[in-house]
Amino acid sequence: MRSLMLPTLVALLLGGCAAKGRVAHAPVEGPVGLGQLAAVDGLQVRPDRIIEDSRCPADVQCVHAGRLIIRATALGGGWSREMDLTLGTPVPVADGMLTLVEATPAHIDGSDAAPQARFSFRFQGGR
């Protein structure tokens, strides 16, 4: 009897760990950080890294606004596509257009905002 209890207990504990892992990676509706999955109208988007952030710092008045470009992975129905997204510029993906619509915090001169960065997306079409 004891020889059957240990393997059963181990299987139950490992199964619980696996379930927790899946929950932690579930797509989130709303702003997400680097490496997190966002649920965007049937599409999933994962911001992977910041390519360029030349936006004007939040505490400075600039003549040129600059731009933000991130590398992201779009996923849906058994496919995935890596792409660069520029803040405010729609990009064709699947049967619609994906846009990086917001990134917070605003660029702060001389600091690395990547660990705190949050990104919001919009997907139009696909229906």
N, C-alpha and C. Protein backbone atom coordinates (compact mmCIF):
# COMPACT_ATOMS: atom_id res chain seq x y z
N MET A 1 0.83 -1.20 0.00
CA MET A 1 0.00 0.00 0.00
C MET A 1 0.87 1.26 0.00
N ARG A 2 1.90 1.28 0.86
CA ARG A 2 2.78 2.44 0.94
C ARG A 2 3.52 2.66 -0.37
N SER A 3 3.88 1.60 -1.08
CA SER A 3 4.63 1.74 -2.33
C SER A 3 3.78 2.42 -3.40
N LEU A 4 2.45 2.35 -3.32
CA LEU A 4 1.57 3.01 -4.27
C LEU A 4 1.30 4.46 -3.90
N MET A 5 1.39 4.78 -2.61
CA MET A 5 1.08 6.13 -2.16
C MET A 5 2.11 7.16 -2.62
N LEU A 6 3.39 6.83 -2.56
CA LEU A 6 4.43 7.78 -2.92
C LEU A 6 4.34 8.21 -4.39
N PRO A 7 4.27 7.27 -5.35
CA PRO A 7 4.14 7.71 -6.75
C PRO A 7 2.87 8.52 -7.01
N THR A 8 1.79 8.16 -6.34
CA THR A 8 0.54 8.90 -6.52
C THR A 8 0.68 10.31 -5.98
N LEU A 9 1.29 10.45 -4.82
CA LEU A 9 1.51 11.76 -4.22
C LEU A 9 2.41 12.62 -5.10
N VAL A 10 3.48 12.04 -5.62
CA VAL A 10 4.39 12.78 -6.50
C VAL A 10 3.65 13.24 -7.76
N ALA A 11 2.86 12.38 -8.34
CA ALA A 11 2.10 12.73 -9.55
C ALA A 11 1.13 13.88 -9.27
N LEU A 12 0.46 13.85 -8.14
CA LEU A 12 -0.47 14.92 -7.79
C LEU A 12 0.26 16.24 -7.59
N LEU A 13 1.39 16.21 -6.91
CA LEU A 13 2.15 17.44 -6.68
C LEU A 13 2.68 18.01 -7.98
N LEU A 14 3.21 17.18 -8.85
CA LEU A 14 3.73 17.67 -10.13
C LEU A 14 2.60 18.18 -11.02
N GLY A 15 1.47 17.55 -10.97
CA GLY A 15 0.31 18.00 -11.74
C GLY A 15 -0.14 19.38 -11.27
N GLY A 16 -0.10 19.63 -9.97
CA GLY A 16 -0.45 20.94 -9.44
C GLY A 16 0.52 22.00 -9.91
N CYS A 17 1.80 21.68 -9.99
CA CYS A 17 2.81 22.63 -10.48
C CYS A 17 2.57 22.97 -11.94
N ALA A 18 2.24 21.98 -12.72
CA ALA A 18 2.01 22.20 -14.15
C ALA A 18 0.79 23.10 -14.35
N ALA A 19 -0.25 22.89 -13.56
CA ALA A 19 -1.45 23.71 -13.70
C ALA A 19 -1.15 25.16 -13.35
N LYS A 20 -0.35 25.38 -12.30
CA LYS A 20 -0.01 26.74 -11.92
C LYS A 20 0.79 27.42 -13.03
N GLY A 21 1.68 26.69 -13.69
CA GLY A 21 2.48 27.26 -14.78
C GLY A 21 1.61 27.76 -15.91
N ARG A 22 0.57 27.01 -16.27
CA ARG A 22 -0.32 27.43 -17.35
C ARG A 22 -1.09 28.69 -16.97
N VAL A 23 -1.52 28.77 -15.73
CA VAL A 23 -2.28 29.93 -15.29
C VAL A 23 -1.43 31.19 -15.34
N ALA A 24 -0.15 31.08 -14.98
CA ALA A 24 0.74 32.24 -14.94
C ALA A 24 0.98 32.82 -16.33
N HIS A 25 0.82 32.01 -17.38
CA HIS A 25 1.09 32.48 -18.72
C HIS A 25 -0.18 32.75 -19.52
N ALA A 26 -1.31 32.84 -18.85
CA ALA A 26 -2.57 33.11 -19.54
C ALA A 26 -2.56 34.54 -20.08
N PRO A 27 -3.12 34.75 -21.27
CA PRO A 27 -3.17 36.10 -21.84
C PRO A 27 -3.96 37.05 -20.94
N VAL A 28 -3.51 38.29 -20.88
CA VAL A 28 -4.11 39.32 -20.04
C VAL A 28 -4.79 40.33 -20.95
N GLU A 29 -5.97 40.78 -20.57
CA GLU A 29 -6.62 41.87 -21.30
C GLU A 29 -6.17 43.17 -20.65
N GLY A 30 -5.57 44.04 -21.42
CA GLY A 30 -5.07 45.30 -20.88
C GLY A 30 -3.57 45.38 -21.03
N PRO A 31 -2.97 46.39 -20.43
CA PRO A 31 -1.52 46.59 -20.58
C PRO A 31 -0.72 45.41 -20.04
N VAL A 32 0.35 45.05 -20.77
CA VAL A 32 1.22 43.95 -20.36
C VAL A 32 2.68 44.40 -20.39
N GLY A 33 3.51 43.71 -19.64
CA GLY A 33 4.94 43.98 -19.64
C GLY A 33 5.66 43.12 -20.66
N LEU A 34 6.95 43.35 -20.79
CA LEU A 34 7.76 42.55 -21.71
C LEU A 34 7.66 41.07 -21.34
N GLY A 35 7.45 40.23 -22.34
CA GLY A 35 7.36 38.79 -22.14
C GLY A 35 5.99 38.27 -21.74
N GLN A 36 5.03 39.14 -21.46
CA GLN A 36 3.68 38.71 -21.09
C GLN A 36 2.79 38.67 -22.32
N LEU A 37 1.77 37.81 -22.26
CA LEU A 37 0.82 37.70 -23.37
C LEU A 37 -0.38 38.60 -23.15
N ALA A 38 -0.73 39.37 -24.18
CA ALA A 38 -1.92 40.20 -24.15
C ALA A 38 -2.98 39.57 -25.03
N ALA A 39 -4.21 39.51 -24.53
CA ALA A 39 -5.35 39.06 -25.33
C ALA A 39 -5.94 40.28 -26.02
N VAL A 40 -5.92 40.28 -27.36
CA VAL A 40 -6.34 41.46 -28.13
C VAL A 40 -7.34 41.02 -29.20
N ASP A 41 -8.62 41.03 -28.87
CA ASP A 41 -9.68 40.70 -29.83
C ASP A 41 -9.43 39.43 -30.63
N GLY A 42 -9.15 38.33 -29.95
CA GLY A 42 -8.96 37.04 -30.61
C GLY A 42 -7.52 36.74 -30.97
N LEU A 43 -6.66 37.72 -30.89
CA LEU A 43 -5.24 37.57 -31.18
C LEU A 43 -4.49 37.63 -29.85
N GLN A 44 -3.33 37.01 -29.80
CA GLN A 44 -2.46 37.14 -28.64
C GLN A 44 -1.19 37.84 -29.09
N VAL A 45 -0.71 38.78 -28.28
CA VAL A 45 0.48 39.56 -28.61
C VAL A 45 1.41 39.55 -27.41
N ARG A 46 2.69 39.26 -27.67
CA ARG A 46 3.70 39.27 -26.61
C ARG A 46 4.78 40.29 -26.97
N PRO A 47 4.88 41.41 -26.23
CA PRO A 47 6.00 42.33 -26.46
C PRO A 47 7.29 41.67 -25.98
N ASP A 48 8.27 41.52 -26.89
CA ASP A 48 9.49 40.80 -26.56
C ASP A 48 10.62 41.71 -26.10
N ARG A 49 10.80 42.85 -26.80
CA ARG A 49 11.86 43.78 -26.38
C ARG A 49 11.65 45.14 -27.01
N ILE A 50 12.29 46.13 -26.43
CA ILE A 50 12.24 47.48 -26.97
C ILE A 50 13.40 47.62 -27.95
N ILE A 51 13.07 47.98 -29.19
CA ILE A 51 14.07 48.19 -30.23
C ILE A 51 14.61 49.62 -30.15
N GLU A 52 13.70 50.58 -30.07
CA GLU A 52 14.08 52.00 -30.02
C GLU A 52 13.08 52.76 -29.18
N ASP A 53 13.57 53.63 -28.33
CA ASP A 53 12.70 54.55 -27.60
C ASP A 53 13.37 55.92 -27.61
N SER A 54 13.07 56.69 -28.65
CA SER A 54 13.64 58.02 -28.80
C SER A 54 12.57 59.08 -28.53
N ARG A 55 11.51 58.68 -27.82
CA ARG A 55 10.46 59.65 -27.49
C ARG A 55 11.03 60.75 -26.61
N CYS A 56 10.41 61.87 -26.68
CA CYS A 56 10.80 63.00 -25.86
C CYS A 56 10.57 62.63 -24.39
N PRO A 57 11.56 62.86 -23.52
CA PRO A 57 11.37 62.56 -22.10
C PRO A 57 10.16 63.30 -21.53
N ALA A 58 9.52 62.70 -20.53
CA ALA A 58 8.30 63.25 -19.96
C ALA A 58 8.50 64.64 -19.36
N ASP A 59 9.68 64.94 -18.88
CA ASP A 59 9.90 66.20 -18.19
C ASP A 59 10.62 67.25 -19.05
N VAL A 60 10.60 67.08 -20.39
CA VAL A 60 11.31 67.97 -21.31
C VAL A 60 10.38 68.35 -22.46
N GLN A 61 10.48 69.60 -22.92
CA GLN A 61 9.71 70.02 -24.10
C GLN A 61 10.62 69.88 -25.32
N CYS A 62 10.22 69.08 -26.30
CA CYS A 62 11.05 68.78 -27.46
C CYS A 62 10.43 69.30 -28.75
N VAL A 63 11.27 69.56 -29.74
CA VAL A 63 10.81 69.95 -31.06
C VAL A 63 10.40 68.70 -31.83
N HIS A 64 11.15 67.61 -31.68
CA HIS A 64 10.88 66.33 -32.35
C HIS A 64 10.39 65.33 -31.32
N ALA A 65 9.24 64.74 -31.55
CA ALA A 65 8.63 63.85 -30.57
C ALA A 65 9.36 62.52 -30.41
N GLY A 66 10.07 62.04 -31.44
CA GLY A 66 10.73 60.74 -31.38
C GLY A 66 9.75 59.62 -31.61
N ARG A 67 10.22 58.40 -31.42
CA ARG A 67 9.34 57.25 -31.65
C ARG A 67 9.72 56.09 -30.74
N LEU A 68 8.77 55.15 -30.63
CA LEU A 68 8.97 53.92 -29.87
C LEU A 68 8.73 52.76 -30.82
N ILE A 69 9.68 51.84 -30.88
CA ILE A 69 9.53 50.62 -31.68
C ILE A 69 9.81 49.44 -30.76
N ILE A 70 8.90 48.47 -30.78
CA ILE A 70 9.12 47.25 -30.01
C ILE A 70 9.09 46.05 -30.95
N ARG A 71 9.77 45.00 -30.58
CA ARG A 71 9.67 43.71 -31.28
C ARG A 71 8.64 42.91 -30.50
N ALA A 72 7.65 42.40 -31.22
CA ALA A 72 6.56 41.65 -30.60
C ALA A 72 6.28 40.39 -31.41
N THR A 73 5.65 39.43 -30.76
CA THR A 73 5.22 38.21 -31.43
C THR A 73 3.70 38.14 -31.36
N ALA A 74 3.06 38.03 -32.52
CA ALA A 74 1.61 37.84 -32.60
C ALA A 74 1.34 36.35 -32.77
N LEU A 75 0.34 35.83 -32.04
CA LEU A 75 0.01 34.41 -32.08
C LEU A 75 -1.48 34.24 -32.29
N GLY A 76 -1.83 33.22 -33.04
CA GLY A 76 -3.23 32.91 -33.23
C GLY A 76 -3.40 31.60 -33.97
N GLY A 77 -4.36 30.80 -33.58
CA GLY A 77 -4.75 29.58 -34.28
C GLY A 77 -3.64 28.73 -34.86
N GLY A 78 -2.59 28.45 -34.15
CA GLY A 78 -1.54 27.57 -34.62
C GLY A 78 -0.42 28.26 -35.39
N TRP A 79 -0.41 29.58 -35.47
CA TRP A 79 0.65 30.31 -36.16
C TRP A 79 1.22 31.37 -35.23
N SER A 80 2.41 31.84 -35.55
CA SER A 80 3.00 32.97 -34.83
C SER A 80 3.83 33.79 -35.82
N ARG A 81 3.94 35.07 -35.54
CA ARG A 81 4.70 35.97 -36.41
C ARG A 81 5.38 37.03 -35.57
N GLU A 82 6.69 37.15 -35.75
CA GLU A 82 7.46 38.19 -35.07
C GLU A 82 7.44 39.44 -35.94
N MET A 83 7.27 40.61 -35.30
CA MET A 83 7.18 41.85 -36.06
C MET A 83 7.64 43.02 -35.21
N ASP A 84 8.01 44.10 -35.87
CA ASP A 84 8.33 45.35 -35.19
C ASP A 84 7.10 46.23 -35.24
N LEU A 85 6.73 46.79 -34.10
CA LEU A 85 5.57 47.68 -34.01
C LEU A 85 6.03 49.06 -33.56
N THR A 86 5.64 50.08 -34.32
CA THR A 86 5.92 51.46 -33.98
C THR A 86 4.67 52.04 -33.34
N LEU A 87 4.83 52.74 -32.23
CA LEU A 87 3.71 53.31 -31.50
C LEU A 87 2.81 54.11 -32.45
N GLY A 88 1.52 53.72 -32.51
CA GLY A 88 0.53 54.43 -33.31
C GLY A 88 0.44 54.04 -34.77
N THR A 89 1.28 53.12 -35.24
CA THR A 89 1.28 52.74 -36.65
C THR A 89 0.72 51.33 -36.83
N PRO A 90 -0.44 51.17 -37.51
CA PRO A 90 -1.01 49.85 -37.74
C PRO A 90 -0.12 48.99 -38.65
N VAL A 91 -0.09 47.68 -38.34
CA VAL A 91 0.69 46.71 -39.12
C VAL A 91 -0.25 45.57 -39.50
N PRO A 92 -0.25 45.14 -40.79
CA PRO A 92 -1.11 44.03 -41.19
C PRO A 92 -0.64 42.72 -40.56
N VAL A 93 -1.60 42.00 -39.99
CA VAL A 93 -1.33 40.67 -39.44
C VAL A 93 -2.63 39.88 -39.51
N ALA A 94 -2.50 38.59 -39.84
CA ALA A 94 -3.68 37.72 -40.02
C ALA A 94 -4.61 38.41 -41.02
N ASP A 95 -5.83 38.64 -40.62
CA ASP A 95 -6.79 39.28 -41.53
C ASP A 95 -7.24 40.63 -40.97
N GLY A 96 -6.30 41.34 -40.33
CA GLY A 96 -6.62 42.64 -39.75
C GLY A 96 -5.37 43.49 -39.58
N MET A 97 -5.49 44.49 -38.72
CA MET A 97 -4.40 45.42 -38.46
C MET A 97 -4.14 45.47 -36.95
N LEU A 98 -2.87 45.32 -36.57
CA LEU A 98 -2.45 45.36 -35.18
C LEU A 98 -1.72 46.68 -34.93
N THR A 99 -2.08 47.35 -33.83
CA THR A 99 -1.46 48.64 -33.50
C THR A 99 -1.02 48.64 -32.05
N LEU A 100 0.20 49.10 -31.82
CA LEU A 100 0.67 49.42 -30.47
C LEU A 100 0.09 50.80 -30.17
N VAL A 101 -0.88 50.86 -29.24
CA VAL A 101 -1.61 52.11 -29.02
C VAL A 101 -1.12 52.91 -27.83
N GLU A 102 -0.43 52.26 -26.89
CA GLU A 102 0.03 53.00 -25.72
C GLU A 102 1.21 52.28 -25.09
N ALA A 103 2.12 53.07 -24.55
CA ALA A 103 3.26 52.53 -23.82
C ALA A 103 3.52 53.43 -22.62
N THR A 104 3.56 52.84 -21.46
CA THR A 104 3.84 53.60 -20.24
C THR A 104 4.95 52.90 -19.47
N PRO A 105 5.74 53.53 -18.69
CA PRO A 105 5.71 54.98 -18.47
C PRO A 105 6.29 55.70 -19.67
N ALA A 106 6.08 57.02 -19.70
CA ALA A 106 6.69 57.84 -20.75
C ALA A 106 8.20 57.76 -20.59
N HIS A 107 8.90 57.97 -21.67
CA HIS A 107 10.36 57.94 -21.67
C HIS A 107 10.90 58.95 -20.65
N ILE A 108 11.84 58.53 -19.83
CA ILE A 108 12.48 59.41 -18.85
C ILE A 108 13.96 59.46 -19.19
N ASP A 109 14.47 60.65 -19.41
CA ASP A 109 15.85 60.83 -19.85
C ASP A 109 16.84 60.16 -18.88
N GLY A 110 17.74 59.34 -19.45
CA GLY A 110 18.81 58.73 -18.67
C GLY A 110 18.43 57.53 -17.83
N SER A 111 17.22 56.98 -18.02
CA SER A 111 16.85 55.81 -17.22
C SER A 111 16.37 54.69 -18.14
N ASP A 112 16.43 53.48 -17.63
CA ASP A 112 15.95 52.31 -18.37
C ASP A 112 14.55 51.98 -17.88
N ALA A 113 13.54 52.32 -18.68
CA ALA A 113 12.15 52.10 -18.29
C ALA A 113 11.66 50.71 -18.67
N ALA A 114 12.49 49.89 -19.34
CA ALA A 114 12.04 48.59 -19.83
C ALA A 114 11.44 47.69 -18.75
N PRO A 115 12.04 47.58 -17.55
CA PRO A 115 11.45 46.68 -16.55
C PRO A 115 10.04 47.09 -16.11
N GLN A 116 9.73 48.38 -16.13
CA GLN A 116 8.40 48.85 -15.70
C GLN A 116 7.46 49.07 -16.88
N ALA A 117 7.94 48.93 -18.10
CA ALA A 117 7.16 49.27 -19.29
C ALA A 117 5.90 48.42 -19.40
N ARG A 118 4.81 49.04 -19.81
CA ARG A 118 3.54 48.38 -20.05
C ARG A 118 3.06 48.81 -21.43
N PHE A 119 2.52 47.85 -22.19
CA PHE A 119 2.12 48.09 -23.57
C PHE A 119 0.67 47.69 -23.78
N SER A 120 -0.05 48.49 -24.56
CA SER A 120 -1.44 48.20 -24.91
C SER A 120 -1.55 48.13 -26.43
N PHE A 121 -2.39 47.21 -26.91
CA PHE A 121 -2.54 46.95 -28.34
C PHE A 121 -4.00 47.01 -28.76
N ARG A 122 -4.22 47.22 -30.06
CA ARG A 122 -5.57 47.14 -30.63
C ARG A 122 -5.47 46.32 -31.91
N PHE A 123 -6.43 45.42 -32.11
CA PHE A 123 -6.50 44.62 -33.33
C PHE A 123 -7.83 44.91 -33.99
N GLN A 124 -7.79 45.38 -35.23
CA GLN A 124 -9.01 45.68 -35.97
C GLN A 124 -9.11 44.74 -37.16
N GLY A 125 -10.28 44.15 -37.33
CA GLY A 125 -10.51 43.20 -38.42
C GLY A 125 -10.60 41.81 -37.85
N GLY A 126 -10.31 40.83 -38.67
CA GLY A 126 -10.28 39.45 -38.19
C GLY A 126 -11.61 38.84 -37.86
N ARG A 127 -12.70 39.41 -38.32
CA ARG A 127 -13.99 38.83 -37.96
C ARG A 127 -14.78 38.45 -39.16
